[in-house]
Amino acid sequence: MTNNTKAIILALVASVSGVTMNVLLKISLDDVNVYTAGFLRFFFGFILISPFIFYYQFQNFKTPNLKIHLTRGILNIPMMLLGFSALKFIPLEQIKAITFVSPIIVVILSVIFLKEKIYLIRIVALIIGLIGVLVILRPGIVSINVGAYMVLCSCSIWSVVVIITKFAARVDSPFTILSYQYTIVTLLSFPIALYFWQSPSIDTIYYLICAGIAGTIVHLCINTAYKLTDLSVLQPVNFSRLLIASLFGFLIFDEIPDIWTIIGGLIIFSSILIITYRENYLKKDIAKHSIPIKL
C-alpha cells in the first residue's frame, strides 16, 4: 500500500470521526449545556491520551513554546464553545460547509501576520470563497441563523490558532501539540463547566466518552496523513465531510440537506483547491500546515 493510499484512508477515517463527534455532541446537548459537554469531551479525550503521556514520562511536555501553547489553549475555549453551540441551531451539513472558510481565513491572516505575498490567483480564490459563503447564508434573502454567526466566529478563532500552531510545529511534535491542547483546554474549561454544571445522564456520559474518542482519532489520523502525502492529495477527500454530515443529519436528525448549502460548499471548496494547488506549485508551506480538520 502506497503512502498516498494510506493517507487517503486516514483522511476518510478522520472525516467520519469528525462528523461522528459532532453527532454525539449534538445529541448530548439535548441533555446538558455546552459548557458541561465541552469540558467532558476534552476531559475524556485527555484520559484517552494519558497512558501515552505516562509512557513517554512527560517528555512530550518539554518545549520552548510554552507561551504559544498557553495562548493556543486559551483561544480554544471560545472556539470550542461557539462551534459546539452552533450544533443546536443549524444542520450538520451547513456547519461543515461553513467551516470550509477556515483555510481561506488562514490565507488572509498569513498575508497580514506572516507577510506572505498576495498573488492574483489568491485574490481570485478568496473572492470565489466569499461568493460560496454568500450562497450558503443568502443575506437579505433569508434570515441568517445565529448558529451561522457562531460557526463563522469559531472558524475565525481557529484560523488564528492555526497561524499560532505553525510557529510551535517548527520544533514540537504533533503529540506535544495535542497533549498541551487537551491539558490546557481541560483545565481551563473545568471551572466554567463547574459554574454552569448540569449533571449528564448515563447515556450522555457514554455519548461524550465516544465524542472524546472520536475527536482524538481525528487529530491522530489527520496529523499522520499530512506526514504521508501532500495536502493536494487529501483536499478532495476532505470534501467528504460535507457529504457525510448531510447523510448523518438526514438519517439521525431528519435534517433535509439544503441544496444551497451543498452548492455554496462546492464553491468554497473549489477556492480551497485553487489555493492548495497553487501553494503546492510554489512549494509554499502555508497550505500544508494551515488546513487541519477543525474540531
C-alpha atoms as a PDB file:
ATOM      1  CA  MET A   1       0.000   0.000   0.000  1.00  0.00           C
ATOM      2  CA  THR A   2       1.459   3.357  -1.036  1.00  0.00           C
ATOM      3  CA  ASN A   3       1.758   6.346   1.293  1.00  0.00           C
ATOM      4  CA  ASN A   4      -0.870   8.189  -0.744  1.00  0.00           C
ATOM      5  CA  THR A   5      -3.336   5.342  -0.267  1.00  0.00           C
ATOM      6  CA  LYS A   6      -2.636   5.166   3.462  1.00  0.00           C
ATOM      7  CA  ALA A   7      -3.074   8.941   3.763  1.00  0.00           C
ATOM      8  CA  ILE A   8      -6.389   8.900   1.883  1.00  0.00           C
ATOM      9  CA  ILE A   9      -7.732   6.118   4.126  1.00  0.00           C
ATOM     10  CA  LEU A  10      -6.644   8.035   7.231  1.00  0.00           C
ATOM     11  CA  ALA A  11      -8.279  11.226   5.916  1.00  0.00           C
ATOM     12  CA  LEU A  12     -11.539   9.346   5.316  1.00  0.00           C
ATOM     13  CA  VAL A  13     -11.417   7.910   8.841  1.00  0.00           C
ATOM     14  CA  ALA A  14     -10.809  11.437  10.157  1.00  0.00           C
ATOM     15  CA  SER A  15     -13.781  12.788   8.199  1.00  0.00           C
ATOM     16  CA  VAL A  16     -16.131  10.107   9.505  1.00  0.00           C
ATOM     17  CA  SER A  17     -14.797  10.507  13.053  1.00  0.00           C
ATOM     18  CA  GLY A  18     -15.187  14.297  12.951  1.00  0.00           C
ATOM     19  CA  VAL A  19     -18.813  14.136  11.850  1.00  0.00           C
ATOM     20  CA  THR A  20     -19.465  11.326  14.354  1.00  0.00           C
ATOM     21  CA  MET A  21     -18.124  13.544  17.136  1.00  0.00           C
ATOM     22  CA  ASN A  22     -20.471  16.353  16.061  1.00  0.00           C
ATOM     23  CA  VAL A  23     -23.433  13.954  16.001  1.00  0.00           C
ATOM     24  CA  LEU A  24     -22.644  12.696  19.518  1.00  0.00           C
ATOM     25  CA  LEU A  25     -22.261  16.256  20.811  1.00  0.00           C
ATOM     26  CA  LYS A  26     -25.492  17.357  19.145  1.00  0.00           C
ATOM     27  CA  ILE A  27     -27.333  14.521  20.910  1.00  0.00           C
ATOM     28  CA  SER A  28     -25.601  15.326  24.217  1.00  0.00           C
ATOM     29  CA  LEU A  29     -26.639  18.980  24.041  1.00  0.00           C
ATOM     30  CA  ASP A  30     -30.264  17.903  24.430  1.00  0.00           C
ATOM     31  CA  ASP A  31     -29.369  16.808  27.968  1.00  0.00           C
ATOM     32  CA  VAL A  32     -26.592  19.161  29.147  1.00  0.00           C
ATOM     33  CA  ASN A  33     -25.362  22.649  28.282  1.00  0.00           C
ATOM     34  CA  VAL A  34     -22.401  23.355  26.029  1.00  0.00           C
ATOM     35  CA  TYR A  35     -20.086  24.150  28.958  1.00  0.00           C
ATOM     36  CA  THR A  36     -20.566  20.714  30.501  1.00  0.00           C
ATOM     37  CA  ALA A  37     -20.410  18.902  27.162  1.00  0.00           C
ATOM     38  CA  GLY A  38     -17.303  20.787  26.009  1.00  0.00           C
ATOM     39  CA  PHE A  39     -15.399  20.067  29.207  1.00  0.00           C
ATOM     40  CA  LEU A  40     -16.303  16.374  29.280  1.00  0.00           C
ATOM     41  CA  ARG A  41     -15.437  15.931  25.583  1.00  0.00           C
ATOM     42  CA  PHE A  42     -11.876  17.134  26.211  1.00  0.00           C
ATOM     43  CA  PHE A  43     -11.625  15.519  29.648  1.00  0.00           C
ATOM     44  CA  PHE A  44     -12.392  12.088  28.221  1.00  0.00           C
ATOM     45  CA  GLY A  45     -10.014  12.783  25.340  1.00  0.00           C
ATOM     46  CA  PHE A  46      -7.306  13.685  27.861  1.00  0.00           C
ATOM     47  CA  ILE A  47      -7.897  10.418  29.717  1.00  0.00           C
ATOM     48  CA  LEU A  48      -7.504   8.596  26.410  1.00  0.00           C
ATOM     49  CA  ILE A  49      -4.036  10.035  25.715  1.00  0.00           C
ATOM     50  CA  SER A  50      -2.886   9.909  29.359  1.00  0.00           C
ATOM     51  CA  PRO A  51      -1.333   6.414  29.083  1.00  0.00           C
ATOM     52  CA  PHE A  52       0.891   7.671  26.258  1.00  0.00           C
ATOM     53  CA  ILE A  53       1.878  10.719  28.318  1.00  0.00           C
ATOM     54  CA  PHE A  54       2.953   8.443  31.187  1.00  0.00           C
ATOM     55  CA  TYR A  55       4.642   6.045  28.748  1.00  0.00           C
ATOM     56  CA  TYR A  56       6.840   8.865  27.450  1.00  0.00           C
ATOM     57  CA  GLN A  57       7.405  10.022  31.065  1.00  0.00           C
ATOM     58  CA  PHE A  58       6.049  13.514  30.320  1.00  0.00           C
ATOM     59  CA  GLN A  59       8.837  14.131  27.798  1.00  0.00           C
ATOM     60  CA  ASN A  60       6.199  15.376  25.363  1.00  0.00           C
ATOM     61  CA  PHE A  61       5.678  18.443  27.584  1.00  0.00           C
ATOM     62  CA  LYS A  62       9.241  19.663  27.067  1.00  0.00           C
ATOM     63  CA  THR A  63       9.014  22.659  24.751  1.00  0.00           C
ATOM     64  CA  PRO A  64      10.436  26.169  24.274  1.00  0.00           C
ATOM     65  CA  ASN A  65       6.966  27.270  23.118  1.00  0.00           C
ATOM     66  CA  LEU A  66       5.085  27.271  26.420  1.00  0.00           C
ATOM     67  CA  LYS A  67       3.562  30.721  25.848  1.00  0.00           C
ATOM     68  CA  ILE A  68       2.431  29.686  22.373  1.00  0.00           C
ATOM     69  CA  HIS A  69       0.728  26.560  23.709  1.00  0.00           C
ATOM     70  CA  LEU A  70      -0.935  28.522  26.512  1.00  0.00           C
ATOM     71  CA  THR A  71      -2.237  31.126  24.052  1.00  0.00           C
ATOM     72  CA  ARG A  72      -3.454  28.354  21.766  1.00  0.00           C
ATOM     73  CA  GLY A  73      -5.240  26.649  24.662  1.00  0.00           C
ATOM     74  CA  ILE A  74      -6.946  29.865  25.772  1.00  0.00           C
ATOM     75  CA  LEU A  75      -8.205  30.562  22.246  1.00  0.00           C
ATOM     76  CA  ASN A  76      -9.526  27.011  22.005  1.00  0.00           C
ATOM     77  CA  ILE A  77     -12.098  27.754  24.728  1.00  0.00           C
ATOM     78  CA  PRO A  78     -14.264  30.332  22.849  1.00  0.00           C
ATOM     79  CA  MET A  79     -13.643  28.450  19.594  1.00  0.00           C
ATOM     80  CA  MET A  80     -14.966  25.235  21.139  1.00  0.00           C
ATOM     81  CA  LEU A  81     -17.954  26.831  22.882  1.00  0.00           C
ATOM     82  CA  LEU A  82     -19.059  28.701  19.753  1.00  0.00           C
ATOM     83  CA  GLY A  83     -18.581  25.712  17.472  1.00  0.00           C
ATOM     84  CA  PHE A  84     -20.374  23.292  19.775  1.00  0.00           C
ATOM     85  CA  SER A  85     -23.198  25.758  20.490  1.00  0.00           C
ATOM     86  CA  ALA A  86     -23.899  26.057  16.766  1.00  0.00           C
ATOM     87  CA  LEU A  87     -24.887  22.379  16.749  1.00  0.00           C
ATOM     88  CA  LYS A  88     -28.133  23.354  18.472  1.00  0.00           C
ATOM     89  CA  PHE A  89     -29.119  25.933  15.867  1.00  0.00           C
ATOM     90  CA  ILE A  90     -28.188  24.816  12.346  1.00  0.00           C
ATOM     91  CA  PRO A  91     -27.961  21.489  10.449  1.00  0.00           C
ATOM     92  CA  LEU A  92     -24.748  19.480  10.398  1.00  0.00           C
ATOM     93  CA  GLU A  93     -24.107  19.926   6.686  1.00  0.00           C
ATOM     94  CA  GLN A  94     -24.382  23.708   6.952  1.00  0.00           C
ATOM     95  CA  ILE A  95     -21.833  23.714   9.775  1.00  0.00           C
ATOM     96  CA  LYS A  96     -19.404  21.617   7.729  1.00  0.00           C
ATOM     97  CA  ALA A  97     -19.920  23.780   4.652  1.00  0.00           C
ATOM     98  CA  ILE A  98     -19.217  26.984   6.557  1.00  0.00           C
ATOM     99  CA  THR A  99     -16.093  25.519   8.209  1.00  0.00           C
ATOM    100  CA  PHE A 100     -14.542  25.263   4.747  1.00  0.00           C
ATOM    101  CA  VAL A 101     -13.837  29.005   5.055  1.00  0.00           C
ATOM    102  CA  SER A 102     -11.084  28.309   7.632  1.00  0.00           C
ATOM    103  CA  PRO A 103      -8.320  27.794   5.030  1.00  0.00           C
ATOM    104  CA  ILE A 104      -9.418  30.981   3.286  1.00  0.00           C
ATOM    105  CA  ILE A 105      -9.188  32.969   6.533  1.00  0.00           C
ATOM    106  CA  VAL A 106      -5.782  31.380   7.180  1.00  0.00           C
ATOM    107  CA  VAL A 107      -4.503  32.710   3.856  1.00  0.00           C
ATOM    108  CA  ILE A 108      -5.731  36.214   4.742  1.00  0.00           C
ATOM    109  CA  LEU A 109      -4.076  36.027   8.158  1.00  0.00           C
ATOM    110  CA  SER A 110      -0.883  34.701   6.586  1.00  0.00           C
ATOM    111  CA  VAL A 111      -0.724  37.790   4.401  1.00  0.00           C
ATOM    112  CA  ILE A 112      -1.339  40.081   7.394  1.00  0.00           C
ATOM    113  CA  PHE A 113       0.808  38.453  10.086  1.00  0.00           C
ATOM    114  CA  LEU A 114       3.324  36.312   8.185  1.00  0.00           C
ATOM    115  CA  LYS A 115       3.881  38.891   5.432  1.00  0.00           C
ATOM    116  CA  GLU A 116       3.080  36.374   2.712  1.00  0.00           C
ATOM    117  CA  LYS A 117       2.733  37.846  -0.756  1.00  0.00           C
ATOM    118  CA  ILE A 118      -0.782  38.255  -2.135  1.00  0.00           C
ATOM    119  CA  TYR A 119      -0.870  36.848  -5.647  1.00  0.00           C
ATOM    120  CA  LEU A 120      -3.659  37.443  -8.158  1.00  0.00           C
ATOM    121  CA  ILE A 121      -4.613  33.761  -8.031  1.00  0.00           C
ATOM    122  CA  ARG A 122      -5.090  34.052  -4.273  1.00  0.00           C
ATOM    123  CA  ILE A 123      -7.314  37.116  -4.667  1.00  0.00           C
ATOM    124  CA  VAL A 124      -9.467  35.241  -7.195  1.00  0.00           C
ATOM    125  CA  ALA A 125      -9.675  32.220  -4.871  1.00  0.00           C
ATOM    126  CA  LEU A 126     -10.671  34.399  -1.914  1.00  0.00           C
ATOM    127  CA  ILE A 127     -13.403  36.099  -3.944  1.00  0.00           C
ATOM    128  CA  ILE A 128     -14.730  32.686  -5.033  1.00  0.00           C
ATOM    129  CA  GLY A 129     -14.748  31.561  -1.404  1.00  0.00           C
ATOM    130  CA  LEU A 130     -16.659  34.674  -0.343  1.00  0.00           C
ATOM    131  CA  ILE A 131     -19.244  34.008  -3.040  1.00  0.00           C
ATOM    132  CA  GLY A 132     -19.657  30.494  -1.659  1.00  0.00           C
ATOM    133  CA  VAL A 133     -20.292  31.850   1.843  1.00  0.00           C
ATOM    134  CA  LEU A 134     -22.901  34.286   0.462  1.00  0.00           C
ATOM    135  CA  VAL A 135     -24.634  31.431  -1.374  1.00  0.00           C
ATOM    136  CA  ILE A 136     -24.913  29.478   1.888  1.00  0.00           C
ATOM    137  CA  LEU A 137     -26.047  32.398   4.059  1.00  0.00           C
ATOM    138  CA  ARG A 138     -28.013  34.334   1.398  1.00  0.00           C
ATOM    139  CA  PRO A 139     -28.134  37.559   3.447  1.00  0.00           C
ATOM    140  CA  GLY A 140     -31.131  39.738   2.581  1.00  0.00           C
ATOM    141  CA  ILE A 141     -32.942  36.752   1.100  1.00  0.00           C
ATOM    142  CA  VAL A 142     -33.298  34.581   4.193  1.00  0.00           C
ATOM    143  CA  SER A 143     -32.734  35.478   7.834  1.00  0.00           C
ATOM    144  CA  ILE A 144     -29.296  34.376   8.982  1.00  0.00           C
ATOM    145  CA  ASN A 145     -29.460  31.916  11.862  1.00  0.00           C
ATOM    146  CA  VAL A 146     -27.372  32.811  14.914  1.00  0.00           C
ATOM    147  CA  GLY A 147     -25.702  29.408  14.533  1.00  0.00           C
ATOM    148  CA  ALA A 148     -24.108  30.530  11.276  1.00  0.00           C
ATOM    149  CA  TYR A 149     -22.532  33.513  13.047  1.00  0.00           C
ATOM    150  CA  MET A 150     -21.264  31.170  15.751  1.00  0.00           C
ATOM    151  CA  VAL A 151     -19.583  28.913  13.192  1.00  0.00           C
ATOM    152  CA  LEU A 152     -18.013  31.872  11.388  1.00  0.00           C
ATOM    153  CA  CYS A 153     -16.655  33.258  14.664  1.00  0.00           C
ATOM    154  CA  SER A 154     -15.397  29.815  15.657  1.00  0.00           C
ATOM    155  CA  CYS A 155     -13.669  29.400  12.271  1.00  0.00           C
ATOM    156  CA  SER A 156     -12.051  32.824  12.593  1.00  0.00           C
ATOM    157  CA  ILE A 157     -10.613  31.947  16.009  1.00  0.00           C
ATOM    158  CA  TRP A 158      -9.483  28.572  14.722  1.00  0.00           C
ATOM    159  CA  SER A 159      -7.672  30.241  11.857  1.00  0.00           C
ATOM    160  CA  VAL A 160      -5.723  32.358  14.352  1.00  0.00           C
ATOM    161  CA  VAL A 161      -4.944  29.158  16.264  1.00  0.00           C
ATOM    162  CA  VAL A 162      -3.604  27.609  13.056  1.00  0.00           C
ATOM    163  CA  ILE A 163      -1.237  30.524  12.491  1.00  0.00           C
ATOM    164  CA  ILE A 164      -0.015  30.224  16.085  1.00  0.00           C
ATOM    165  CA  THR A 165       0.402  26.462  15.713  1.00  0.00           C
ATOM    166  CA  LYS A 166       2.683  26.966  12.709  1.00  0.00           C
ATOM    167  CA  PHE A 167       5.279  28.502  15.000  1.00  0.00           C
ATOM    168  CA  ALA A 168       5.037  25.686  17.567  1.00  0.00           C
ATOM    169  CA  ALA A 169       5.133  22.994  14.865  1.00  0.00           C
ATOM    170  CA  ARG A 170       8.616  24.091  13.819  1.00  0.00           C
ATOM    171  CA  VAL A 171      10.104  22.368  16.873  1.00  0.00           C
ATOM    172  CA  ASP A 172       7.256  20.473  18.590  1.00  0.00           C
ATOM    173  CA  SER A 173       5.830  17.101  17.573  1.00  0.00           C
ATOM    174  CA  PRO A 174       2.117  16.653  16.780  1.00  0.00           C
ATOM    175  CA  PHE A 175       1.716  14.691  20.030  1.00  0.00           C
ATOM    176  CA  THR A 176       3.268  17.510  22.055  1.00  0.00           C
ATOM    177  CA  ILE A 177       0.858  19.991  20.463  1.00  0.00           C
ATOM    178  CA  LEU A 178      -2.059  17.607  21.079  1.00  0.00           C
ATOM    179  CA  SER A 179      -1.017  16.995  24.705  1.00  0.00           C
ATOM    180  CA  TYR A 180      -0.851  20.699  25.507  1.00  0.00           C
ATOM    181  CA  GLN A 181      -4.148  21.350  23.764  1.00  0.00           C
ATOM    182  CA  TYR A 182      -6.023  18.652  25.686  1.00  0.00           C
ATOM    183  CA  THR A 183      -4.362  19.504  29.010  1.00  0.00           C
ATOM    184  CA  ILE A 184      -4.895  23.276  28.839  1.00  0.00           C
ATOM    185  CA  VAL A 185      -8.434  23.123  27.429  1.00  0.00           C
ATOM    186  CA  THR A 186      -9.448  20.560  30.068  1.00  0.00           C
ATOM    187  CA  LEU A 187      -8.024  22.659  32.915  1.00  0.00           C
ATOM    188  CA  LEU A 188      -9.419  25.986  31.680  1.00  0.00           C
ATOM    189  CA  SER A 189     -12.864  24.653  30.805  1.00  0.00           C
ATOM    190  CA  PHE A 190     -13.279  22.887  34.162  1.00  0.00           C
ATOM    191  CA  PRO A 191     -14.138  25.965  36.304  1.00  0.00           C
ATOM    192  CA  ILE A 192     -16.512  27.214  33.597  1.00  0.00           C
ATOM    193  CA  ALA A 193     -18.232  23.828  33.441  1.00  0.00           C
ATOM    194  CA  LEU A 194     -18.349  23.666  37.245  1.00  0.00           C
ATOM    195  CA  TYR A 195     -20.103  27.029  37.436  1.00  0.00           C
ATOM    196  CA  PHE A 196     -22.706  26.080  34.790  1.00  0.00           C
ATOM    197  CA  TRP A 197     -22.710  22.364  35.658  1.00  0.00           C
ATOM    198  CA  GLN A 198     -25.581  20.145  34.561  1.00  0.00           C
ATOM    199  CA  SER A 199     -25.322  16.505  35.586  1.00  0.00           C
ATOM    200  CA  PRO A 200     -25.387  14.295  32.487  1.00  0.00           C
ATOM    201  CA  SER A 201     -27.347  11.073  32.287  1.00  0.00           C
ATOM    202  CA  ILE A 202     -25.577   7.748  31.885  1.00  0.00           C
ATOM    203  CA  ASP A 203     -26.416   7.758  28.168  1.00  0.00           C
ATOM    204  CA  THR A 204     -24.994  11.264  27.760  1.00  0.00           C
ATOM    205  CA  ILE A 205     -21.782  10.296  29.548  1.00  0.00           C
ATOM    206  CA  TYR A 206     -21.451   7.407  27.103  1.00  0.00           C
ATOM    207  CA  TYR A 207     -22.019   9.746  24.144  1.00  0.00           C
ATOM    208  CA  LEU A 208     -19.403  12.196  25.426  1.00  0.00           C
ATOM    209  CA  ILE A 209     -16.851   9.442  26.038  1.00  0.00           C
ATOM    210  CA  CYS A 210     -17.345   8.351  22.434  1.00  0.00           C
ATOM    211  CA  ALA A 211     -17.111  12.007  21.310  1.00  0.00           C
ATOM    212  CA  GLY A 212     -13.768  12.330  23.123  1.00  0.00           C
ATOM    213  CA  ILE A 213     -12.509   9.178  21.419  1.00  0.00           C
ATOM    214  CA  ALA A 214     -13.753  10.303  18.002  1.00  0.00           C
ATOM    215  CA  GLY A 215     -12.168  13.747  18.362  1.00  0.00           C
ATOM    216  CA  THR A 216      -8.819  12.246  19.336  1.00  0.00           C
ATOM    217  CA  ILE A 217      -8.951   9.871  16.372  1.00  0.00           C
ATOM    218  CA  VAL A 218      -9.447  12.888  14.092  1.00  0.00           C
ATOM    219  CA  HIS A 219      -6.275  14.544  15.372  1.00  0.00           C
ATOM    220  CA  LEU A 220      -4.145  11.426  15.183  1.00  0.00           C
ATOM    221  CA  CYS A 221      -5.362  10.352  11.732  1.00  0.00           C
ATOM    222  CA  ILE A 222      -5.114  13.729  10.031  1.00  0.00           C
ATOM    223  CA  ASN A 223      -1.715  14.580  11.529  1.00  0.00           C
ATOM    224  CA  THR A 224      -0.357  11.248  10.299  1.00  0.00           C
ATOM    225  CA  ALA A 225      -1.971  11.663   6.883  1.00  0.00           C
ATOM    226  CA  TYR A 226      -0.317  15.056   6.382  1.00  0.00           C
ATOM    227  CA  LYS A 227       3.051  13.453   7.076  1.00  0.00           C
ATOM    228  CA  LEU A 228       2.499  10.775   4.434  1.00  0.00           C
ATOM    229  CA  THR A 229       1.487  12.913   1.465  1.00  0.00           C
ATOM    230  CA  ASP A 230       0.885  16.437   0.149  1.00  0.00           C
ATOM    231  CA  LEU A 231      -2.281  18.268   1.078  1.00  0.00           C
ATOM    232  CA  SER A 232      -3.206  18.480  -2.607  1.00  0.00           C
ATOM    233  CA  VAL A 233      -3.862  14.728  -2.485  1.00  0.00           C
ATOM    234  CA  LEU A 234      -6.050  14.985   0.606  1.00  0.00           C
ATOM    235  CA  GLN A 235      -8.140  18.073  -0.097  1.00  0.00           C
ATOM    236  CA  PRO A 236     -10.667  16.313  -2.372  1.00  0.00           C
ATOM    237  CA  VAL A 237     -11.102  13.713   0.391  1.00  0.00           C
ATOM    238  CA  ASN A 238     -11.834  16.426   2.948  1.00  0.00           C
ATOM    239  CA  PHE A 239     -14.948  17.411   0.998  1.00  0.00           C
ATOM    240  CA  SER A 240     -16.430  14.090   2.108  1.00  0.00           C
ATOM    241  CA  ARG A 241     -17.114  15.788   5.461  1.00  0.00           C
ATOM    242  CA  LEU A 242     -19.978  17.734   3.877  1.00  0.00           C
ATOM    243  CA  LEU A 243     -21.440  14.629   2.248  1.00  0.00           C
ATOM    244  CA  ILE A 244     -21.097  12.533   5.426  1.00  0.00           C
ATOM    245  CA  ALA A 245     -22.641  15.321   7.530  1.00  0.00           C
ATOM    246  CA  SER A 246     -25.568  15.574   5.107  1.00  0.00           C
ATOM    247  CA  LEU A 247     -26.129  11.808   5.317  1.00  0.00           C
ATOM    248  CA  PHE A 248     -25.865  11.644   9.125  1.00  0.00           C
ATOM    249  CA  GLY A 249     -28.052  14.728   9.534  1.00  0.00           C
ATOM    250  CA  PHE A 250     -30.754  13.173   7.371  1.00  0.00           C
ATOM    251  CA  LEU A 251     -30.641   9.690   8.944  1.00  0.00           C
ATOM    252  CA  ILE A 252     -30.312  10.726  12.601  1.00  0.00           C
ATOM    253  CA  PHE A 253     -31.901  14.180  12.911  1.00  0.00           C
ATOM    254  CA  ASP A 254     -34.268  14.202   9.898  1.00  0.00           C
ATOM    255  CA  GLU A 255     -32.427  17.250   8.541  1.00  0.00           C
ATOM    256  CA  ILE A 256     -33.201  17.708   4.860  1.00  0.00           C
ATOM    257  CA  PRO A 257     -29.993  18.683   3.011  1.00  0.00           C
ATOM    258  CA  ASP A 258     -30.189  22.253   1.728  1.00  0.00           C
ATOM    259  CA  ILE A 259     -29.241  22.463  -1.959  1.00  0.00           C
ATOM    260  CA  TRP A 260     -27.869  25.997  -1.439  1.00  0.00           C
ATOM    261  CA  THR A 261     -25.585  24.715   1.310  1.00  0.00           C
ATOM    262  CA  ILE A 262     -24.281  21.983  -0.991  1.00  0.00           C
ATOM    263  CA  ILE A 263     -23.728  24.450  -3.861  1.00  0.00           C
ATOM    264  CA  GLY A 264     -22.094  27.019  -1.562  1.00  0.00           C
ATOM    265  CA  GLY A 265     -19.885  24.330  -0.049  1.00  0.00           C
ATOM    266  CA  LEU A 266     -18.760  23.258  -3.518  1.00  0.00           C
ATOM    267  CA  ILE A 267     -17.926  26.861  -4.440  1.00  0.00           C
ATOM    268  CA  ILE A 268     -15.944  27.417  -1.240  1.00  0.00           C
ATOM    269  CA  PHE A 269     -14.166  24.116  -1.674  1.00  0.00           C
ATOM    270  CA  SER A 270     -13.183  24.983  -5.245  1.00  0.00           C
ATOM    271  CA  SER A 271     -11.436  28.091  -3.915  1.00  0.00           C
ATOM    272  CA  ILE A 272      -9.591  25.934  -1.353  1.00  0.00           C
ATOM    273  CA  LEU A 273      -8.408  23.626  -4.126  1.00  0.00           C
ATOM    274  CA  ILE A 274      -7.121  26.606  -6.118  1.00  0.00           C
ATOM    275  CA  ILE A 275      -5.171  27.865  -3.085  1.00  0.00           C
ATOM    276  CA  THR A 276      -3.871  24.390  -2.224  1.00  0.00           C
ATOM    277  CA  TYR A 277      -2.611  23.501  -5.683  1.00  0.00           C
ATOM    278  CA  ARG A 278      -1.146  26.969  -6.178  1.00  0.00           C
ATOM    279  CA  GLU A 279       0.762  26.797  -2.879  1.00  0.00           C
ATOM    280  CA  ASN A 280       1.928  23.292  -3.762  1.00  0.00           C
ATOM    281  CA  TYR A 281       3.168  24.564  -7.125  1.00  0.00           C
ATOM    282  CA  LEU A 282       5.039  27.409  -5.422  1.00  0.00           C
ATOM    283  CA  LYS A 283       6.430  24.937  -2.833  1.00  0.00           C
ATOM    284  CA  LYS A 284       4.967  27.001   0.000  1.00  0.00           C
ATOM    285  CA  ASP A 285       4.134  25.518   3.390  1.00  0.00           C
ATOM    286  CA  ILE A 286       1.018  27.584   4.154  1.00  0.00           C
ATOM    287  CA  ALA A 287      -1.451  25.035   2.843  1.00  0.00           C
ATOM    288  CA  LYS A 288       0.409  22.047   4.223  1.00  0.00           C
ATOM    289  CA  HIS A 289       0.463  23.348   7.782  1.00  0.00           C
ATOM    290  CA  SER A 290      -2.618  25.532   7.772  1.00  0.00           C
ATOM    291  CA  ILE A 291      -5.580  23.353   6.869  1.00  0.00           C
ATOM    292  CA  PRO A 292      -6.123  20.784   9.582  1.00  0.00           C
ATOM    293  CA  ILE A 293      -9.578  19.440  10.360  1.00  0.00           C
ATOM    294  CA  LYS A 294     -11.419  21.691  12.829  1.00  0.00           C
ATOM    295  CA  LEU A 295     -12.875  20.213  15.962  1.00  0.00           C
END
